[in-house]
Amino acid sequence: MCRMPALAATVLTLAATPVFAAPTSPTPVSTTPAPASPLLRAKAGAVQRAEAKRIDPLARAAFWARELEIDPRDVEAGLGLAVSLRQLGRFPEAYDAAGQVLVIQPDNIDALLESARAQIGRGQGFYAIDPARRAQTLAPRDWRPVALLAVAYEQADRDDEALAAHRLALTLAPSEPAVLTNLAMFHAGHGDLVQAEQLLRRAVALPGADARVRQNLALVVGLQGRLAEAEQLVRQDLPPEQAANNIAWLKAATAKAPTGEGRSWSAVTRGGT
């Protein structure tokens, strides 16, 4: 199949980041666990850890890094740190954090998934294939490894395998917005905007659909020339400045005008694989 070059550069931005982008220069967070010391405070309890999962990624990264300083073999802390760093867009560090968990528990499915997500986030899908396959072997009925494998194959330019994996993920989870979104963006990247829109409209109607799904729908609708409809979708979720940037990008893309140079569609992501 033939890709649409201009579109592939945008919709195939696969980092699993939130729609509201993380700061470009986040406050440094130490992610290298230090040897445990009797002078360090006790590990956080279950209530504190549950609360930590609800705070922003930067604060979570600091929290889990402190937990790892107390106990470098704390699997929950290692996974929490990997997720937080990935959400901040710090993919190499997220990959390292997931790798530390895998040293302790080589068959930890969540760590394998985080390893794959981090590689996809940094645009290195080829290196996400192995951890995604390992997770699929361990959990053959889980749609998440298959969905990640599909995106990894896309980044590795293995389109036939990517499409087969997308379809398998849809078979495993036909009502999962992320699966429908991933397949939709695969079709969008290959020029089939009509099929992409149909899948995204199915996705946005599902209970688990989030802003990322709606923004991908806005992109696909706008690229078909329906800019007013796309603008309504864009403004539902994005602050004015970011919405204006995306609308300007769509106008330039549909007009093929040079004014779009230097702009990019903000935070277009896949579903939450």
Protein backbone atom coordinates (compact mmCIF):
# COMPACT_ATOMS: atom_id res chain seq x y z
CA MET A 1 0.00 0.00 0.00
CA CYS A 2 1.13 3.56 -0.70
CA ARG A 3 1.46 5.99 2.17
CA MET A 4 0.40 9.63 2.06
CA PRO A 5 3.75 11.28 2.88
CA ALA A 6 2.35 14.55 4.27
CA LEU A 7 -0.10 12.74 6.51
CA ALA A 8 2.27 10.04 7.67
CA ALA A 9 4.51 12.64 9.22
CA THR A 10 1.69 13.73 11.51
CA VAL A 11 -0.73 10.95 12.31
CA LEU A 12 2.05 8.45 12.73
CA THR A 13 3.46 10.35 15.69
CA LEU A 14 3.02 7.46 18.05
CA ALA A 15 4.16 8.66 21.43
CA ALA A 16 1.60 7.78 24.05
CA THR A 17 1.53 11.29 25.48
CA PRO A 18 -1.46 13.26 26.75
CA VAL A 19 -3.23 15.78 24.50
CA PHE A 20 -1.96 18.59 26.71
CA ALA A 21 1.75 18.37 26.04
CA ALA A 22 4.24 18.04 28.88
CA PRO A 23 6.63 20.95 29.50
CA THR A 24 9.52 20.95 27.05
CA SER A 25 12.07 21.38 29.84
CA PRO A 26 10.74 19.48 32.86
CA THR A 27 12.33 19.80 36.24
CA PRO A 28 15.08 17.18 36.48
CA VAL A 29 14.11 14.01 38.27
CA SER A 30 16.73 11.57 39.48
CA THR A 31 15.85 8.17 38.07
CA THR A 32 18.91 6.19 39.14
CA PRO A 33 18.11 4.21 42.31
CA ALA A 34 20.67 4.61 45.05
CA PRO A 35 21.60 1.81 47.45
CA ALA A 36 19.11 1.48 50.27
CA SER A 37 20.12 3.31 53.44
CA PRO A 38 18.80 2.88 56.98
CA LEU A 39 18.60 6.67 57.17
CA LEU A 40 16.03 6.88 54.40
CA ARG A 41 12.38 7.10 55.29
CA ALA A 42 10.13 4.05 55.19
CA LYS A 43 8.44 3.08 51.95
CA ALA A 44 5.09 4.70 51.25
CA GLY A 45 2.03 2.76 52.25
CA ALA A 46 -0.81 1.56 50.05
CA VAL A 47 -2.88 4.72 50.55
CA GLN A 48 0.03 7.01 49.64
CA ARG A 49 0.80 4.93 46.56
CA ALA A 50 -2.80 5.02 45.44
CA GLU A 51 -2.82 8.80 45.83
CA ALA A 52 0.43 9.08 43.88
CA LYS A 53 -1.23 7.49 40.86
CA ARG A 54 -3.60 10.45 40.66
CA ILE A 55 -1.07 13.29 40.66
CA ASP A 56 0.64 14.82 37.64
CA PRO A 57 3.38 12.82 35.85
CA LEU A 58 6.26 15.03 37.02
CA ALA A 59 5.29 14.69 40.69
CA ARG A 60 4.66 10.97 40.19
CA ALA A 61 8.09 10.49 38.66
CA ALA A 62 9.69 12.14 41.69
CA PHE A 63 7.58 10.04 44.07
CA TRP A 64 8.45 6.72 42.45
CA ALA A 65 12.12 7.67 42.12
CA ARG A 66 12.21 8.23 45.89
CA GLU A 67 10.56 4.86 46.45
CA LEU A 68 13.25 3.22 44.32
CA GLU A 69 15.95 4.91 46.36
CA ILE A 70 14.60 3.07 49.38
CA ASP A 71 14.18 -0.26 47.60
CA PRO A 72 15.73 -0.62 44.12
CA ARG A 73 13.91 -3.96 43.71
CA ASP A 74 10.47 -2.41 44.20
CA VAL A 75 8.63 -3.56 41.07
CA GLU A 76 5.60 -1.30 41.58
CA ALA A 77 7.86 1.73 41.96
CA GLY A 78 9.85 0.78 38.87
CA LEU A 79 6.71 0.46 36.79
CA GLY A 80 5.30 3.70 38.20
CA LEU A 81 8.49 5.52 37.29
CA ALA A 82 8.51 4.06 33.77
CA VAL A 83 4.91 5.15 33.13
CA SER A 84 5.47 8.64 34.54
CA LEU A 85 8.62 9.24 32.50
CA ARG A 86 6.91 8.01 29.34
CA GLN A 87 4.02 10.40 29.93
CA LEU A 88 6.55 13.21 30.28
CA GLY A 89 8.01 12.26 26.89
CA ARG A 90 11.28 11.06 28.44
CA PHE A 91 11.31 7.83 26.51
CA PRO A 92 14.93 6.66 26.92
CA GLU A 93 14.63 7.01 30.71
CA ALA A 94 11.25 5.27 30.68
CA TYR A 95 12.80 2.41 28.74
CA ASP A 96 15.62 2.14 31.27
CA ALA A 97 13.16 2.12 34.18
CA ALA A 98 11.13 -0.68 32.57
CA GLY A 99 14.37 -2.56 31.89
CA GLN A 100 15.29 -2.44 35.57
CA VAL A 101 11.99 -4.16 36.38
CA LEU A 102 12.66 -6.80 33.73
CA VAL A 103 16.00 -7.60 35.35
CA ILE A 104 14.06 -8.52 38.50
CA GLN A 105 11.05 -10.08 36.77
CA PRO A 106 11.83 -11.00 33.14
CA ASP A 107 8.24 -12.09 32.47
CA ASN A 108 6.53 -9.04 33.93
CA ILE A 109 3.94 -8.22 31.27
CA ASP A 110 3.45 -4.62 32.35
CA ALA A 111 7.20 -3.98 32.17
CA LEU A 112 7.36 -5.56 28.71
CA LEU A 113 4.50 -3.33 27.58
CA GLU A 114 6.18 -0.23 29.00
CA SER A 115 9.41 -1.19 27.27
CA ALA A 116 7.56 -1.44 23.96
CA ARG A 117 5.69 1.83 24.53
CA ALA A 118 8.90 3.68 25.30
CA GLN A 119 10.56 2.47 22.10
CA ILE A 120 7.49 3.39 20.06
CA GLY A 121 7.39 6.78 21.75
CA ARG A 122 10.95 7.54 20.66
CA GLY A 123 10.16 6.38 17.10
CA GLN A 124 12.12 3.12 17.37
CA GLY A 125 9.31 0.67 16.70
CA PHE A 126 11.66 -2.03 15.45
CA TYR A 127 13.01 -2.39 18.99
CA ALA A 128 9.49 -2.56 20.41
CA ILE A 129 8.69 -5.72 18.45
CA ASP A 130 10.57 -8.12 20.72
CA PRO A 131 9.07 -7.00 24.07
CA ALA A 132 5.60 -6.79 22.50
CA ARG A 133 5.93 -10.31 21.11
CA ARG A 134 7.13 -11.61 24.48
CA ALA A 135 4.13 -10.02 26.19
CA GLN A 136 1.81 -11.50 23.56
CA THR A 137 3.24 -14.96 24.20
CA LEU A 138 2.67 -14.57 27.94
CA ALA A 139 -0.87 -13.17 27.50
CA PRO A 140 -2.26 -14.31 24.13
CA ARG A 141 -5.78 -13.03 24.85
CA ASP A 142 -4.64 -9.55 25.92
CA TRP A 143 -5.23 -6.97 23.19
CA ARG A 144 -2.55 -4.56 24.45
CA PRO A 145 0.57 -6.44 23.27
CA VAL A 146 -1.02 -6.98 19.86
CA ALA A 147 -1.98 -3.32 19.53
CA LEU A 148 1.55 -2.25 20.40
CA LEU A 149 2.98 -4.82 18.02
CA ALA A 150 0.84 -3.39 15.21
CA VAL A 151 2.18 0.12 15.78
CA ALA A 152 5.73 -1.20 16.11
CA TYR A 153 5.40 -2.94 12.75
CA GLU A 154 4.19 0.33 11.22
CA GLN A 155 7.25 2.17 12.44
CA ALA A 156 9.40 -0.62 11.04
CA ASP A 157 7.69 -0.25 7.62
CA ARG A 158 6.26 -3.77 7.82
CA ASP A 159 2.77 -2.81 6.70
CA ASP A 160 1.31 -6.25 5.97
CA GLU A 161 2.25 -7.47 9.44
CA ALA A 162 0.97 -4.22 10.95
CA LEU A 163 -2.44 -4.57 9.33
CA ALA A 164 -2.72 -8.21 10.41
CA ALA A 165 -1.86 -7.23 13.99
CA HIS A 166 -4.37 -4.36 13.96
CA ARG A 167 -7.08 -6.75 12.81
CA LEU A 168 -6.16 -9.31 15.47
CA ALA A 169 -6.31 -6.61 18.14
CA LEU A 170 -9.76 -5.64 16.89
CA THR A 171 -10.87 -9.27 17.12
CA LEU A 172 -9.63 -9.44 20.72
CA ALA A 173 -11.14 -6.09 21.74
CA PRO A 174 -13.84 -4.92 19.30
CA SER A 175 -15.14 -2.27 21.71
CA GLU A 176 -11.79 -0.80 22.74
CA PRO A 177 -11.40 2.82 21.49
CA ALA A 178 -7.61 2.54 21.34
CA VAL A 179 -7.78 -0.44 18.98
CA LEU A 180 -10.25 1.28 16.66
CA THR A 181 -8.15 4.46 16.75
CA ASN A 182 -4.94 2.64 15.89
CA LEU A 183 -6.53 0.88 12.93
CA ALA A 184 -8.14 4.14 11.81
CA MET A 185 -4.82 5.97 11.83
CA PHE A 186 -3.19 3.13 9.93
CA HIS A 187 -5.78 3.63 7.18
CA ALA A 188 -5.35 7.42 7.37
CA GLY A 189 -1.62 7.06 6.94
CA HIS A 190 -2.25 5.07 3.78
CA GLY A 191 -4.66 7.61 2.29
CA ASP A 192 -8.01 5.99 3.16
CA LEU A 193 -9.52 8.89 5.11
CA VAL A 194 -13.10 7.67 4.65
CA GLN A 195 -12.39 4.33 6.32
CA ALA A 196 -10.39 6.11 9.01
CA GLU A 197 -13.31 8.43 9.78
CA GLN A 198 -15.76 5.53 10.03
CA LEU A 199 -13.56 3.75 12.56
CA LEU A 200 -12.92 6.91 14.57
CA ARG A 201 -16.64 7.68 14.78
CA ARG A 202 -17.15 4.21 16.20
CA ALA A 203 -14.36 4.89 18.67
CA VAL A 204 -15.60 8.28 19.90
CA ALA A 205 -19.03 6.78 20.64
CA LEU A 206 -17.56 4.30 23.11
CA PRO A 207 -17.40 5.01 26.87
CA GLY A 208 -13.60 4.83 27.09
CA ALA A 209 -12.91 7.34 24.30
CA ASP A 210 -10.76 10.28 25.36
CA ALA A 211 -9.58 13.57 23.88
CA ARG A 212 -6.92 11.86 21.78
CA VAL A 213 -9.56 9.94 19.85
CA ARG A 214 -11.56 13.11 19.19
CA GLN A 215 -8.47 15.00 18.06
CA ASN A 216 -7.59 12.23 15.61
CA LEU A 217 -11.16 12.45 14.29
CA ALA A 218 -10.73 16.21 13.92
CA LEU A 219 -7.56 15.64 11.92
CA VAL A 220 -9.16 13.12 9.58
CA VAL A 221 -12.29 15.25 9.11
CA GLY A 222 -10.23 18.36 8.43
CA LEU A 223 -8.01 16.64 5.89
CA GLN A 224 -11.16 15.86 3.93
CA GLY A 225 -11.82 19.59 3.67
CA ARG A 226 -14.54 19.89 6.34
CA LEU A 227 -12.68 22.53 8.30
CA ALA A 228 -15.62 23.99 10.24
CA GLU A 229 -16.54 20.58 11.61
CA ALA A 230 -12.91 19.84 12.40
CA GLU A 231 -12.55 23.15 14.24
CA GLN A 232 -15.49 22.31 16.49
CA LEU A 233 -13.85 19.03 17.43
CA VAL A 234 -10.45 20.65 17.99
CA ARG A 235 -11.82 23.30 20.33
CA GLN A 236 -13.61 20.73 22.51
CA ASP A 237 -10.38 19.59 24.12
CA LEU A 238 -7.53 22.00 23.38
CA PRO A 239 -6.69 25.42 24.83
CA PRO A 240 -7.09 28.34 22.39
CA GLU A 241 -3.44 28.67 21.35
CA GLN A 242 -2.97 24.96 20.65
CA ALA A 243 -6.35 24.78 18.90
CA ALA A 244 -5.40 27.73 16.69
CA ASN A 245 -2.13 26.02 15.77
CA ASN A 246 -3.94 22.84 14.75
CA ILE A 247 -6.57 24.70 12.76
CA ALA A 248 -3.87 26.69 10.94
CA TRP A 249 -2.04 23.45 10.18
CA LEU A 250 -5.22 21.91 8.73
CA LYS A 251 -5.89 24.96 6.55
CA ALA A 252 -2.36 24.87 5.21
CA ALA A 253 -2.45 21.12 4.67
CA THR A 254 -5.74 21.14 2.79
CA ALA A 255 -4.68 24.14 0.68
CA LYS A 256 -1.16 22.75 0.22
CA ALA A 257 0.01 26.23 1.08
CA PRO A 258 3.58 27.06 2.13
CA THR A 259 2.24 28.85 5.23
CA GLY A 260 2.10 25.49 6.98
CA GLU A 261 5.87 25.19 7.00
CA GLY A 262 7.26 25.11 10.49
CA ARG A 263 3.95 24.11 12.01
CA SER A 264 2.85 20.69 13.13
CA TRP A 265 -0.34 19.12 14.36
CA SER A 266 -0.06 19.13 18.15
CA ALA A 267 -0.12 15.93 20.16
CA VAL A 268 -1.79 13.64 17.65
CA THR A 269 -1.54 10.29 19.34
CA ARG A 270 -2.86 6.81 19.16
CA GLY A 271 -5.28 5.44 21.70
CA GLY A 272 -3.99 4.42 25.07
CA THR A 273 -2.11 1.27 24.15
